[in-house]
PDB file of all heavy atoms in Angstrom:
ATOM      1  N   ASP A   1     -59.709-109.754-141.286  1.00  0.00           N
ATOM      2  CA  ASP A   1     -60.244-110.512-140.153  1.00  0.00           C
ATOM      3  C   ASP A   1     -60.887-109.579-139.125  1.00  0.00           C
ATOM      4  O   ASP A   1     -61.911-109.916-138.514  1.00  0.00           O
ATOM      5  CB  ASP A   1     -59.135-111.332-139.491  1.00  0.00           C
ATOM      6  CG  ASP A   1     -58.710-112.529-140.317  1.00  0.00           C
ATOM      7  OD1 ASP A   1     -59.449-112.903-141.255  1.00  0.00           O
ATOM      8  OD2 ASP A   1     -57.626-113.084-140.045  1.00  0.00           O
ATOM      9  N   ALA A   2     -60.288-108.400-138.936  1.00  0.00           N
ATOM     10  CA  ALA A   2     -60.851-107.424-138.003  1.00  0.00           C
ATOM     11  C   ALA A   2     -62.209-106.929-138.493  1.00  0.00           C
ATOM     12  O   ALA A   2     -63.123-106.682-137.696  1.00  0.00           O
ATOM     13  CB  ALA A   2     -59.893-106.251-137.818  1.00  0.00           C
ATOM     14  N   PHE A   3     -62.359-106.804-139.810  1.00  0.00           N
ATOM     15  CA  PHE A   3     -63.646-106.425-140.393  1.00  0.00           C
ATOM     16  C   PHE A   3     -64.671-107.546-140.223  1.00  0.00           C
ATOM     17  O   PHE A   3     -65.790-107.318-139.746  1.00  0.00           O
ATOM     18  CB  PHE A   3     -63.463-106.087-141.876  1.00  0.00           C
ATOM     19  CG  PHE A   3     -64.695-106.254-142.719  1.00  0.00           C
ATOM     20  CD1 PHE A   3     -65.880-105.608-142.398  1.00  0.00           C
ATOM     21  CD2 PHE A   3     -64.673-107.056-143.846  1.00  0.00           C
ATOM     22  CE1 PHE A   3     -67.019-105.765-143.182  1.00  0.00           C
ATOM     23  CE2 PHE A   3     -65.794-107.223-144.629  1.00  0.00           C
ATOM     24  CZ  PHE A   3     -66.973-106.579-144.295  1.00  0.00           C
ATOM     25  N   VAL A   4     -64.286-108.772-140.552  1.00  0.00           N
ATOM     26  CA  VAL A   4     -65.209-109.905-140.459  1.00  0.00           C
ATOM     27  C   VAL A   4     -65.665-110.131-139.019  1.00  0.00           C
ATOM     28  O   VAL A   4     -66.829-110.483-138.768  1.00  0.00           O
ATOM     29  CB  VAL A   4     -64.548-111.182-141.036  1.00  0.00           C
ATOM     30  CG1 VAL A   4     -65.414-112.408-140.775  1.00  0.00           C
ATOM     31  CG2 VAL A   4     -64.294-111.020-142.534  1.00  0.00           C
ATOM     32  N   SER A   5     -64.764-109.904-138.067  1.00  0.00           N
ATOM     33  CA  SER A   5     -65.097-110.123-136.661  1.00  0.00           C
ATOM     34  C   SER A   5     -65.871-108.966-136.043  1.00  0.00           C
ATOM     35  O   SER A   5     -66.301-109.051-134.891  1.00  0.00           O
ATOM     36  CB  SER A   5     -63.816-110.370-135.854  1.00  0.00           C
ATOM     37  OG  SER A   5     -62.998-109.196-135.859  1.00  0.00           O
ATOM     38  N   GLY A   6     -66.042-107.868-136.797  1.00  0.00           N
ATOM     39  CA  GLY A   6     -66.815-106.737-136.304  1.00  0.00           C
ATOM     40  C   GLY A   6     -66.018-105.659-135.614  1.00  0.00           C
ATOM     41  O   GLY A   6     -66.594-104.675-135.138  1.00  0.00           O
ATOM     42  N   HIS A   7     -64.696-105.799-135.536  1.00  0.00           N
ATOM     43  CA  HIS A   7     -63.887-104.764-134.895  1.00  0.00           C
ATOM     44  C   HIS A   7     -63.739-103.531-135.788  1.00  0.00           C
ATOM     45  O   HIS A   7     -63.537-102.425-135.291  1.00  0.00           O
ATOM     46  CB  HIS A   7     -62.509-105.323-134.529  1.00  0.00           C
ATOM     47  CG  HIS A   7     -62.550-106.289-133.395  1.00  0.00           C
ATOM     48  ND1 HIS A   7     -62.554-107.653-133.576  1.00  0.00           N
ATOM     49  CD2 HIS A   7     -62.623-106.096-132.052  1.00  0.00           C
ATOM     50  CE1 HIS A   7     -62.615-108.255-132.410  1.00  0.00           C
ATOM     51  NE2 HIS A   7     -62.663-107.337-131.464  1.00  0.00           N
ATOM     52  N   ILE A   8     -63.814-103.730-137.091  1.00  0.00           N
ATOM     53  CA  ILE A   8     -63.877-102.609-138.029  1.00  0.00           C
ATOM     54  C   ILE A   8     -65.306-102.582-138.544  1.00  0.00           C
ATOM     55  O   ILE A   8     -65.723-103.463-139.301  1.00  0.00           O
ATOM     56  CB  ILE A   8     -62.883-102.773-139.190  1.00  0.00           C
ATOM     57  CG1 ILE A   8     -61.442-102.698-138.680  1.00  0.00           C
ATOM     58  CG2 ILE A   8     -63.117-101.698-140.248  1.00  0.00           C
ATOM     59  CD1 ILE A   8     -60.393-102.899-139.754  1.00  0.00           C
ATOM     60  N   ASN A   9     -66.081-101.588-138.115  1.00  0.00           N
ATOM     61  CA  ASN A   9     -67.487-101.558-138.499  1.00  0.00           C
ATOM     62  C   ASN A   9     -67.981-100.160-138.846  1.00  0.00           C
ATOM     63  O   ASN A   9     -69.143 -99.824-138.608  1.00  0.00           O
ATOM     64  CB  ASN A   9     -68.359-102.175-137.399  1.00  0.00           C
ATOM     65  CG  ASN A   9     -68.216-101.482-136.057  1.00  0.00           C
ATOM     66  OD1 ASN A   9     -67.471-100.502-135.934  1.00  0.00           O
ATOM     67  ND2 ASN A   9     -68.914-101.974-135.051  1.00  0.00           N
ATOM     68  N   ASN A  10     -67.094 -99.345-139.408  1.00  0.00           N
ATOM     69  CA  ASN A  10     -67.519 -98.054-139.934  1.00  0.00           C
ATOM     70  C   ASN A  10     -67.543 -98.113-141.461  1.00  0.00           C
ATOM     71  O   ASN A  10     -66.721 -98.790-142.082  1.00  0.00           O
ATOM     72  CB  ASN A  10     -66.615 -96.918-139.438  1.00  0.00           C
ATOM     73  CG  ASN A  10     -65.178 -97.078-139.869  1.00  0.00           C
ATOM     74  OD1 ASN A  10     -64.786 -96.623-140.943  1.00  0.00           O
ATOM     75  ND2 ASN A  10     -64.364 -97.735-139.043  1.00  0.00           N
ATOM     76  N   ALA A  11     -68.508 -97.425-142.059  1.00  0.00           N
ATOM     77  CA  ALA A  11     -68.772 -97.557-143.495  1.00  0.00           C
ATOM     78  C   ALA A  11     -67.564 -97.217-144.361  1.00  0.00           C
ATOM     79  O   ALA A  11     -67.275 -97.912-145.338  1.00  0.00           O
ATOM     80  CB  ALA A  11     -69.959 -96.679-143.877  1.00  0.00           C
ATOM     81  N   MET A  12     -66.854 -96.154-144.007  1.00  0.00           N
ATOM     82  CA  MET A  12     -65.733 -95.723-144.832  1.00  0.00           C
ATOM     83  C   MET A  12     -64.676 -96.817-144.961  1.00  0.00           C
ATOM     84  O   MET A  12     -64.218 -97.138-146.062  1.00  0.00           O
ATOM     85  CB  MET A  12     -65.102 -94.454-144.246  1.00  0.00           C
ATOM     86  CG  MET A  12     -63.995 -93.854-145.090  1.00  0.00           C
ATOM     87  SD  MET A  12     -63.162 -92.470-144.262  1.00  0.00           S
ATOM     88  CE  MET A  12     -64.495 -91.280-144.145  1.00  0.00           C
ATOM     89  N   ALA A  13     -64.303 -97.415-143.842  1.00  0.00           N
ATOM     90  CA  ALA A  13     -63.284 -98.469-143.868  1.00  0.00           C
ATOM     91  C   ALA A  13     -63.789 -99.712-144.582  1.00  0.00           C
ATOM     92  O   ALA A  13     -63.052-100.351-145.338  1.00  0.00           O
ATOM     93  CB  ALA A  13     -62.847 -98.809-142.447  1.00  0.00           C
ATOM     94  N   ILE A  14     -65.051-100.074-144.362  1.00  0.00           N
ATOM     95  CA  ILE A  14     -65.611-101.278-144.988  1.00  0.00           C
ATOM     96  C   ILE A  14     -65.648-101.139-146.500  1.00  0.00           C
ATOM     97  O   ILE A  14     -65.256-102.056-147.241  1.00  0.00           O
ATOM     98  CB  ILE A  14     -67.012-101.568-144.433  1.00  0.00           C
ATOM     99  CG1 ILE A  14     -66.916-101.996-142.963  1.00  0.00           C
ATOM    100  CG2 ILE A  14     -67.719-102.641-145.247  1.00  0.00           C
ATOM    101  CD1 ILE A  14     -68.262-102.110-142.268  1.00  0.00           C
ATOM    102  N   ILE A  15     -66.123 -99.990-146.996  1.00  0.00           N
ATOM    103  CA  ILE A  15     -66.167 -99.757-148.442  1.00  0.00           C
ATOM    104  C   ILE A  15     -64.762 -99.838-149.038  1.00  0.00           C
ATOM    105  O   ILE A  15     -64.532-100.466-150.081  1.00  0.00           O
ATOM    106  CB  ILE A  15     -66.805 -98.394-148.755  1.00  0.00           C
ATOM    107  CG1 ILE A  15     -68.283 -98.408-148.356  1.00  0.00           C
ATOM    108  CG2 ILE A  15     -66.655 -98.042-150.228  1.00  0.00           C
ATOM    109  CD1 ILE A  15     -68.936 -97.043-148.378  1.00  0.00           C
ATOM    110  N   ALA A  16     -63.805 -99.191-148.366  1.00  0.00           N
ATOM    111  CA  ALA A  16     -62.430 -99.178-148.862  1.00  0.00           C
ATOM    112  C   ALA A  16     -61.815-100.578-148.875  1.00  0.00           C
ATOM    113  O   ALA A  16     -61.117-100.954-149.821  1.00  0.00           O
ATOM    114  CB  ALA A  16     -61.575 -98.237-148.020  1.00  0.00           C
ATOM    115  N   LEU A  17     -62.061-101.353-147.821  1.00  0.00           N
ATOM    116  CA  LEU A  17     -61.502-102.704-147.755  1.00  0.00           C
ATOM    117  C   LEU A  17     -62.081-103.600-148.842  1.00  0.00           C
ATOM    118  O   LEU A  17     -61.356-104.400-149.454  1.00  0.00           O
ATOM    119  CB  LEU A  17     -61.772-103.314-146.381  1.00  0.00           C
ATOM    120  CG  LEU A  17     -60.924-102.785-145.231  1.00  0.00           C
ATOM    121  CD1 LEU A  17     -61.401-103.385-143.911  1.00  0.00           C
ATOM    122  CD2 LEU A  17     -59.450-103.100-145.459  1.00  0.00           C
ATOM    123  N   GLN A  18     -63.368-103.489-149.101  1.00  0.00           N
ATOM    124  CA  GLN A  18     -63.974-104.291-150.160  1.00  0.00           C
ATOM    125  C   GLN A  18     -63.417-103.899-151.523  1.00  0.00           C
ATOM    126  O   GLN A  18     -63.177-104.748-152.376  1.00  0.00           O
ATOM    127  CB  GLN A  18     -65.493-104.149-150.111  1.00  0.00           C
ATOM    128  CG  GLN A  18     -66.104-104.791-148.871  1.00  0.00           C
ATOM    129  CD  GLN A  18     -67.579-104.518-148.728  1.00  0.00           C
ATOM    130  OE1 GLN A  18     -68.077-103.496-149.171  1.00  0.00           O
ATOM    131  NE2 GLN A  18     -68.295-105.437-148.095  1.00  0.00           N
ATOM    132  N   TRP A  19     -63.204-102.588-151.706  1.00  0.00           N
ATOM    133  CA  TRP A  19     -62.606-102.107-152.961  1.00  0.00           C
ATOM    134  C   TRP A  19     -61.191-102.672-153.125  1.00  0.00           C
ATOM    135  O   TRP A  19     -60.817-103.135-154.206  1.00  0.00           O
ATOM    136  CB  TRP A  19     -62.575-100.578-152.957  1.00  0.00           C
ATOM    137  CG  TRP A  19     -61.944 -99.972-154.176  1.00  0.00           C
ATOM    138  CD1 TRP A  19     -62.551 -99.645-155.352  1.00  0.00           C
ATOM    139  CD2 TRP A  19     -60.551 -99.625-154.336  1.00  0.00           C
ATOM    140  NE1 TRP A  19     -61.641 -99.119-156.227  1.00  0.00           N
ATOM    141  CE2 TRP A  19     -60.401 -99.094-155.645  1.00  0.00           C
ATOM    142  CE3 TRP A  19     -59.436 -99.707-153.510  1.00  0.00           C
ATOM    143  CZ2 TRP A  19     -59.173 -98.657-156.127  1.00  0.00           C
ATOM    144  CZ3 TRP A  19     -58.212 -99.269-153.995  1.00  0.00           C
ATOM    145  CH2 TRP A  19     -58.088 -98.753-155.291  1.00  0.00           C
ATOM    146  N   LEU A  20     -60.407-102.640-152.037  1.00  0.00           N
ATOM    147  CA  LEU A  20     -59.029-103.135-152.106  1.00  0.00           C
ATOM    148  C   LEU A  20     -58.997-104.641-152.353  1.00  0.00           C
ATOM    149  O   LEU A  20     -58.130-105.132-153.083  1.00  0.00           O
ATOM    150  CB  LEU A  20     -58.283-102.793-150.816  1.00  0.00           C
ATOM    151  CG  LEU A  20     -56.810-103.219-150.769  1.00  0.00           C
ATOM    152  CD1 LEU A  20     -56.020-102.601-151.912  1.00  0.00           C
ATOM    153  CD2 LEU A  20     -56.198-102.859-149.417  1.00  0.00           C
ATOM    154  N   ARG A  21     -59.919-105.369-151.771  1.00  0.00           N
ATOM    155  CA  ARG A  21     -59.971-106.813-151.994  1.00  0.00           C
ATOM    156  C   ARG A  21     -60.207-107.117-153.481  1.00  0.00           C
ATOM    157  O   ARG A  21     -59.596-108.025-154.046  1.00  0.00           O
ATOM    158  CB  ARG A  21     -61.065-107.443-151.139  1.00  0.00           C
ATOM    159  CG  ARG A  21     -61.021-108.978-151.136  1.00  0.00           C
ATOM    160  CD  ARG A  21     -62.048-109.553-150.178  1.00  0.00           C
ATOM    161  NE  ARG A  21     -61.986-111.005-150.141  1.00  0.00           N
ATOM    162  CZ  ARG A  21     -61.213-111.713-149.321  1.00  0.00           C
ATOM    163  NH1 ARG A  21     -60.436-111.074-148.457  1.00  0.00           N
ATOM    164  NH2 ARG A  21     -61.213-113.027-149.350  1.00  0.00           N
ATOM    165  N   LEU A  22     -61.082-106.347-154.103  1.00  0.00           N
ATOM    166  CA  LEU A  22     -61.317-106.502-155.545  1.00  0.00           C
ATOM    167  C   LEU A  22     -60.058-106.134-156.336  1.00  0.00           C
ATOM    168  O   LEU A  22     -59.683-106.829-157.289  1.00  0.00           O
ATOM    169  CB  LEU A  22     -62.485-105.618-155.984  1.00  0.00           C
ATOM    170  CG  LEU A  22     -63.877-106.034-155.507  1.00  0.00           C
ATOM    171  CD1 LEU A  22     -64.903-104.961-155.866  1.00  0.00           C
ATOM    172  CD2 LEU A  22     -64.278-107.373-156.117  1.00  0.00           C
ATOM    173  N   ARG A  23     -59.407-105.057-155.938  1.00  0.00           N
ATOM    174  CA  ARG A  23     -58.202-104.601-156.644  1.00  0.00           C
ATOM    175  C   ARG A  23     -57.105-105.648-156.554  1.00  0.00           C
ATOM    176  O   ARG A  23     -56.416-105.922-157.542  1.00  0.00           O
ATOM    177  CB  ARG A  23     -57.729-103.271-156.052  1.00  0.00           C
ATOM    178  CG  ARG A  23     -56.503-102.666-156.747  1.00  0.00           C
ATOM    179  CD  ARG A  23     -56.103-101.361-156.072  1.00  0.00           C
ATOM    180  NE  ARG A  23     -54.900-100.784-156.645  1.00  0.00           N
ATOM    181  CZ  ARG A  23     -54.889 -99.938-157.662  1.00  0.00           C
ATOM    182  NH1 ARG A  23     -56.021 -99.582-158.251  1.00  0.00           N
ATOM    183  NH2 ARG A  23     -53.754 -99.443-158.129  1.00  0.00           N
ATOM    184  N   ARG A  24     -56.929-106.254-155.374  1.00  0.00           N
ATOM    185  CA  ARG A  24     -55.911-107.285-155.209  1.00  0.00           C
ATOM    186  C   ARG A  24     -56.220-108.517-156.057  1.00  0.00           C
ATOM    187  O   ARG A  24     -55.331-109.279-156.407  1.00  0.00           O
ATOM    188  CB  ARG A  24     -55.797-107.678-153.734  1.00  0.00           C
ATOM    189  CG  ARG A  24     -55.203-106.594-152.858  1.00  0.00           C
ATOM    190  CD  ARG A  24     -55.364-106.875-151.375  1.00  0.00           C
ATOM    191  NE  ARG A  24     -54.380-107.831-150.889  1.00  0.00           N
ATOM    192  CZ  ARG A  24     -54.648-109.089-150.523  1.00  0.00           C
ATOM    193  NH1 ARG A  24     -55.882-109.544-150.626  1.00  0.00           N
ATOM    194  NH2 ARG A  24     -53.695-109.875-150.074  1.00  0.00           N
ATOM    195  N   ALA A  25     -57.520-108.700-156.389  1.00  0.00           N
ATOM    196  CA  ALA A  25     -57.936-109.823-157.234  1.00  0.00           C
ATOM    197  C   ALA A  25     -57.902-109.462-158.713  1.00  0.00           C
ATOM    198  O   ALA A  25     -58.293-110.275-159.562  1.00  0.00           O
ATOM    199  CB  ALA A  25     -59.340-110.270-156.844  1.00  0.00           C
ATOM    200  N   GLY A  26     -57.435-108.246-159.029  1.00  0.00           N
ATOM    201  CA  GLY A  26     -57.317-107.837-160.419  1.00  0.00           C
ATOM    202  C   GLY A  26     -58.566-107.213-160.999  1.00  0.00           C
ATOM    203  O   GLY A  26     -58.684-107.051-162.214  1.00  0.00           O
ATOM    204  N   ILE A  27     -59.526-106.830-160.134  1.00  0.00           N
ATOM    205  CA  ILE A  27     -60.770-106.222-160.596  1.00  0.00           C
ATOM    206  C   ILE A  27     -60.746-104.740-160.267  1.00  0.00           C
ATOM    207  O   ILE A  27     -60.562-104.354-159.114  1.00  0.00           O
ATOM    208  CB  ILE A  27     -61.996-106.878-159.917  1.00  0.00           C
ATOM    209  CG1 ILE A  27     -62.031-108.372-160.230  1.00  0.00           C
ATOM    210  CG2 ILE A  27     -63.290-106.201-160.363  1.00  0.00           C
ATOM    211  CD1 ILE A  27     -63.074-109.126-159.450  1.00  0.00           C
ATOM    212  N   ASP A  28     -60.922-103.902-161.296  1.00  0.00           N
ATOM    213  CA  ASP A  28     -60.934-102.462-161.096  1.00  0.00           C
ATOM    214  C   ASP A  28     -62.360-102.022-160.796  1.00  0.00           C
ATOM    215  O   ASP A  28     -63.191-101.879-161.693  1.00  0.00           O
ATOM    216  CB  ASP A  28     -60.413-101.738-162.342  1.00  0.00           C
ATOM    217  CG  ASP A  28     -60.268-100.234-162.122  1.00  0.00           C
ATOM    218  OD1 ASP A  28     -60.710 -99.750-161.055  1.00  0.00           O
ATOM    219  OD2 ASP A  28     -59.736 -99.550-163.002  1.00  0.00           O
ATOM    220  N   ALA A  29     -62.662-101.813-159.531  1.00  0.00           N
ATOM    221  CA  ALA A  29     -64.022-101.462-159.121  1.00  0.00           C
ATOM    222  C   ALA A  29     -64.354-100.002-159.379  1.00  0.00           C
ATOM    223  O   ALA A  29     -65.486 -99.577-159.145  1.00  0.00           O
ATOM    224  CB  ALA A  29     -64.214-101.778-157.637  1.00  0.00           C
ATOM    225  N   THR A  30     -63.396 -99.199-159.855  1.00  0.00           N
ATOM    226  CA  THR A  30     -63.680 -97.798-160.166  1.00  0.00           C
ATOM    227  C   THR A  30     -64.177 -97.637-161.595  1.00  0.00           C
ATOM    228  O   THR A  30     -64.588 -96.554-161.989  1.00  0.00           O
ATOM    229  CB  THR A  30     -62.427 -96.927-159.976  1.00  0.00           C
ATOM    230  OG1 THR A  30     -61.389 -97.388-160.850  1.00  0.00           O
ATOM    231  CG2 THR A  30     -61.941 -96.979-158.542  1.00  0.00           C
TER     232      THR A  30
END
């Protein structure tokens, strides 16, 4: 929610969060 609302807006955190969201859904993005 902090990312969607713009409070987290640095590339490193955004890339990592998107990767983790995929991982939690069972998708290995690596």
